Amino acid sequence: MTVLTITAYFIIPVYTILFAWGTNWFTLNFSILGSLADRKNLFLLWGIVVGTYFYYVLKRIIRTLPRNKKEKVCTTLALMLLAMAVTIPYLPDTQPFHAVLHVVLSFAASISLLLSLYLVIWKLYCMNQTVYRPYFISLLLITGVSAVLFFLTGIVSTALEIFFVLSSTFLLHRLYGKVCSPRILWKYQRL
């Protein structure tokens, strides 16, 4: 088992669920949990682990794609926005401007990540529809379920955040295994 596999299937899921453990997943979110004194550093560490994983894996996949400037920009933007979001506290009562900025940055980071995933998977799908159709359909399902979770609660809830992070992590790891397998990389190196 590689470090990426352990991170995708053990570290990120366990850490994400433990971070939200003992809270109401449908009325709270990671921003509120991360503003609590006893979870502030845990939230920062969670952002570092998740952001680094997504950035590293997407970067490795993107370098195999032709004309990949948009994908690089979206991925880098998602990481930068996430880094800023987890370092700005969400304290609406005492720091309303910072709270609004945190929400905007968090939402923008998620949208940038989702856009990056769509750009990458769409390009792969256009290159080989048979192989990458399941990945594209999975991404559509992740988007759909995320939208349903949002409309059920009316907020970006912990349940939505956990679902989105975990399903995207699993999808990205599977995609990484498909795109960056030694057989495929050998083909690109010979070109």
Protein backbone atom coordinates (compact mmCIF):
# COMPACT_ATOMS: atom_id res chain seq x y z
CA MET A 1 0.00 0.00 0.00
CA THR A 2 1.33 3.43 -0.93
CA VAL A 3 1.21 6.61 1.16
CA LEU A 4 -1.42 8.00 -1.24
CA THR A 5 -3.64 4.95 -0.79
CA ILE A 6 -3.33 5.09 3.00
CA THR A 7 -4.09 8.81 2.91
CA ALA A 8 -7.12 8.38 0.62
CA TYR A 9 -8.71 5.37 2.29
CA PHE A 10 -7.65 5.76 5.91
CA ILE A 11 -6.19 9.11 7.01
CA ILE A 12 -8.64 11.48 5.28
CA PRO A 13 -11.83 9.50 6.05
CA VAL A 14 -10.92 8.77 9.69
CA TYR A 15 -9.67 12.29 10.39
CA THR A 16 -12.68 13.90 8.67
CA ILE A 17 -15.21 11.82 10.59
CA LEU A 18 -13.39 12.14 13.92
CA PHE A 19 -13.17 15.91 13.46
CA ALA A 20 -16.98 16.08 13.30
CA TRP A 21 -17.60 13.31 15.84
CA GLY A 22 -20.15 14.09 18.54
CA THR A 23 -21.73 17.01 16.68
CA ASN A 24 -24.93 17.43 14.70
CA TRP A 25 -23.94 16.84 11.07
CA PHE A 26 -27.05 18.55 9.69
CA THR A 27 -27.05 21.82 11.66
CA LEU A 28 -23.32 22.56 11.96
CA ASN A 29 -20.44 22.72 9.51
CA PHE A 30 -16.65 22.56 9.54
CA SER A 31 -16.37 26.37 9.76
CA ILE A 32 -18.29 26.43 13.03
CA LEU A 33 -16.42 23.40 14.37
CA GLY A 34 -13.09 24.91 13.32
CA SER A 35 -13.84 28.09 15.24
CA LEU A 36 -14.15 26.19 18.52
CA ALA A 37 -11.04 26.61 20.67
CA ASP A 38 -10.48 22.86 21.10
CA ARG A 39 -10.82 22.14 17.35
CA LYS A 40 -9.09 25.16 15.82
CA ASN A 41 -5.71 23.48 15.26
CA LEU A 42 -7.41 20.24 14.22
CA PHE A 43 -9.27 22.19 11.52
CA LEU A 44 -6.02 23.71 10.26
CA LEU A 45 -4.37 20.28 10.15
CA TRP A 46 -7.40 18.82 8.36
CA GLY A 47 -7.14 21.58 5.72
CA ILE A 48 -3.42 20.88 5.25
CA VAL A 49 -3.92 17.12 4.86
CA VAL A 50 -6.89 17.35 2.49
CA GLY A 51 -5.51 20.29 0.48
CA THR A 52 -2.09 18.68 0.05
CA TYR A 53 -3.59 15.36 -1.01
CA PHE A 54 -5.90 16.87 -3.63
CA TYR A 55 -3.22 19.21 -4.96
CA TYR A 56 -0.54 16.52 -5.23
CA VAL A 57 -2.75 13.91 -6.87
CA LEU A 58 -4.42 16.35 -9.27
CA LYS A 59 -1.04 17.78 -10.22
CA ARG A 60 0.25 14.30 -11.10
CA ILE A 61 -2.85 13.57 -13.21
CA ILE A 62 -2.84 16.98 -14.90
CA ARG A 63 0.75 16.66 -16.09
CA THR A 64 -0.34 13.73 -18.29
CA LEU A 65 -2.94 15.90 -20.05
CA PRO A 66 -2.38 17.94 -23.19
CA ARG A 67 -3.00 21.71 -23.02
CA ASN A 68 -3.46 21.63 -19.27
CA LYS A 69 -3.14 25.28 -18.24
CA LYS A 70 -6.79 25.69 -17.08
CA GLU A 71 -6.59 22.56 -14.96
CA LYS A 72 -3.35 23.74 -13.32
CA VAL A 73 -4.81 27.16 -12.56
CA CYS A 74 -8.03 25.75 -11.02
CA THR A 75 -6.13 23.25 -8.89
CA THR A 76 -3.65 25.83 -7.61
CA LEU A 77 -6.46 28.29 -6.96
CA ALA A 78 -8.41 25.68 -4.97
CA LEU A 79 -5.38 25.00 -2.76
CA MET A 80 -4.68 28.69 -2.18
CA LEU A 81 -8.32 29.45 -1.34
CA LEU A 82 -8.51 26.50 1.06
CA ALA A 83 -5.29 27.59 2.77
CA MET A 84 -6.67 31.09 3.28
CA ALA A 85 -10.07 29.80 4.44
CA VAL A 86 -8.71 27.50 7.17
CA THR A 87 -6.47 30.26 8.55
CA ILE A 88 -9.23 32.89 8.78
CA PRO A 89 -11.48 32.30 11.79
CA TYR A 90 -15.23 31.98 11.47
CA LEU A 91 -16.42 34.15 14.37
CA PRO A 92 -19.54 35.97 13.13
CA ASP A 93 -20.34 37.56 16.50
CA THR A 94 -16.94 39.12 17.16
CA GLN A 95 -15.37 39.29 13.68
CA PRO A 96 -18.18 39.53 11.11
CA PHE A 97 -15.94 40.61 8.22
CA HIS A 98 -13.55 37.70 8.78
CA ALA A 99 -16.50 35.32 9.05
CA VAL A 100 -17.90 36.46 5.69
CA LEU A 101 -14.44 36.25 4.13
CA HIS A 102 -14.01 32.73 5.53
CA VAL A 103 -17.34 31.61 4.04
CA VAL A 104 -16.56 33.15 0.63
CA LEU A 105 -13.08 31.60 0.52
CA SER A 106 -14.35 28.18 1.65
CA PHE A 107 -17.09 28.16 -0.95
CA ALA A 108 -14.73 29.40 -3.67
CA ALA A 109 -12.19 26.69 -2.75
CA SER A 110 -14.84 23.99 -3.11
CA ILE A 111 -16.08 25.36 -6.42
CA SER A 112 -12.50 25.63 -7.74
CA LEU A 113 -11.82 22.03 -6.74
CA LEU A 114 -15.04 20.85 -8.35
CA LEU A 115 -14.26 22.80 -11.52
CA SER A 116 -10.78 21.31 -11.61
CA LEU A 117 -12.21 17.81 -11.27
CA TYR A 118 -14.69 18.49 -14.07
CA LEU A 119 -12.01 19.91 -16.37
CA VAL A 120 -9.68 16.95 -15.77
CA ILE A 121 -12.31 14.23 -16.03
CA TRP A 122 -14.01 15.85 -19.03
CA LYS A 123 -10.70 16.03 -20.90
CA LEU A 124 -9.98 12.38 -20.09
CA TYR A 125 -13.54 11.44 -21.06
CA CYS A 126 -13.16 13.18 -24.42
CA MET A 127 -9.91 11.29 -24.99
CA ASN A 128 -11.43 7.88 -24.15
CA GLN A 129 -15.15 7.77 -23.40
CA THR A 130 -15.30 4.07 -22.65
CA VAL A 131 -12.60 4.13 -19.99
CA TYR A 132 -13.51 7.42 -18.29
CA ARG A 133 -17.33 7.33 -18.50
CA PRO A 134 -17.65 5.82 -14.97
CA TYR A 135 -15.51 8.64 -13.55
CA PHE A 136 -17.58 11.31 -15.26
CA ILE A 137 -20.84 9.71 -14.10
CA SER A 138 -19.42 9.43 -10.56
CA LEU A 139 -18.55 13.12 -10.56
CA LEU A 140 -22.06 13.99 -11.74
CA LEU A 141 -23.50 11.85 -8.92
CA ILE A 142 -21.23 13.52 -6.35
CA THR A 143 -22.42 16.90 -7.57
CA GLY A 144 -26.06 15.82 -7.51
CA VAL A 145 -25.96 14.29 -4.03
CA SER A 146 -24.09 17.36 -2.75
CA ALA A 147 -26.82 19.59 -4.16
CA VAL A 148 -29.52 17.45 -2.53
CA LEU A 149 -27.74 17.61 0.84
CA PHE A 150 -27.46 21.38 0.48
CA PHE A 151 -31.16 21.82 -0.32
CA LEU A 152 -32.25 19.43 2.46
CA THR A 153 -30.55 21.48 5.16
CA GLY A 154 -30.34 24.91 3.52
CA ILE A 155 -26.70 25.22 4.57
CA VAL A 156 -23.34 23.74 3.73
CA SER A 157 -23.63 21.19 6.53
CA THR A 158 -21.08 18.85 8.04
CA ALA A 159 -22.89 15.97 6.31
CA LEU A 160 -22.41 17.69 2.94
CA GLU A 161 -18.77 18.48 3.65
CA ILE A 162 -18.01 14.92 4.76
CA PHE A 163 -19.80 13.43 1.75
CA PHE A 164 -18.09 15.76 -0.72
CA VAL A 165 -14.60 15.34 0.71
CA LEU A 166 -14.74 11.57 1.07
CA SER A 167 -16.44 10.80 -2.25
CA SER A 168 -14.12 13.19 -4.11
CA THR A 169 -11.09 11.67 -2.41
CA PHE A 170 -12.13 8.13 -3.38
CA LEU A 171 -12.93 9.21 -6.95
CA LEU A 172 -9.65 11.07 -7.32
CA HIS A 173 -7.63 8.15 -5.96
CA ARG A 174 -9.27 5.73 -8.39
CA LEU A 175 -8.70 8.17 -11.24
CA TYR A 176 -5.06 8.56 -10.21
CA GLY A 177 -4.66 4.76 -10.29
CA LYS A 178 -6.13 4.65 -13.80
CA VAL A 179 -4.23 7.60 -15.29
CA CYS A 180 -0.91 7.19 -13.53
CA SER A 181 -0.54 3.42 -13.66
CA PRO A 182 2.99 2.35 -14.66
CA ARG A 183 1.71 1.00 -18.01
CA ILE A 184 0.16 4.34 -18.98
CA LEU A 185 3.09 6.41 -17.72
CA TRP A 186 5.48 4.20 -19.70
CA LYS A 187 3.49 4.99 -22.85
CA TYR A 188 3.79 8.76 -22.24
CA GLN A 189 7.52 8.51 -21.49
CA ARG A 190 8.16 6.74 -24.80
CA LEU A 191 6.38 9.44 -26.85
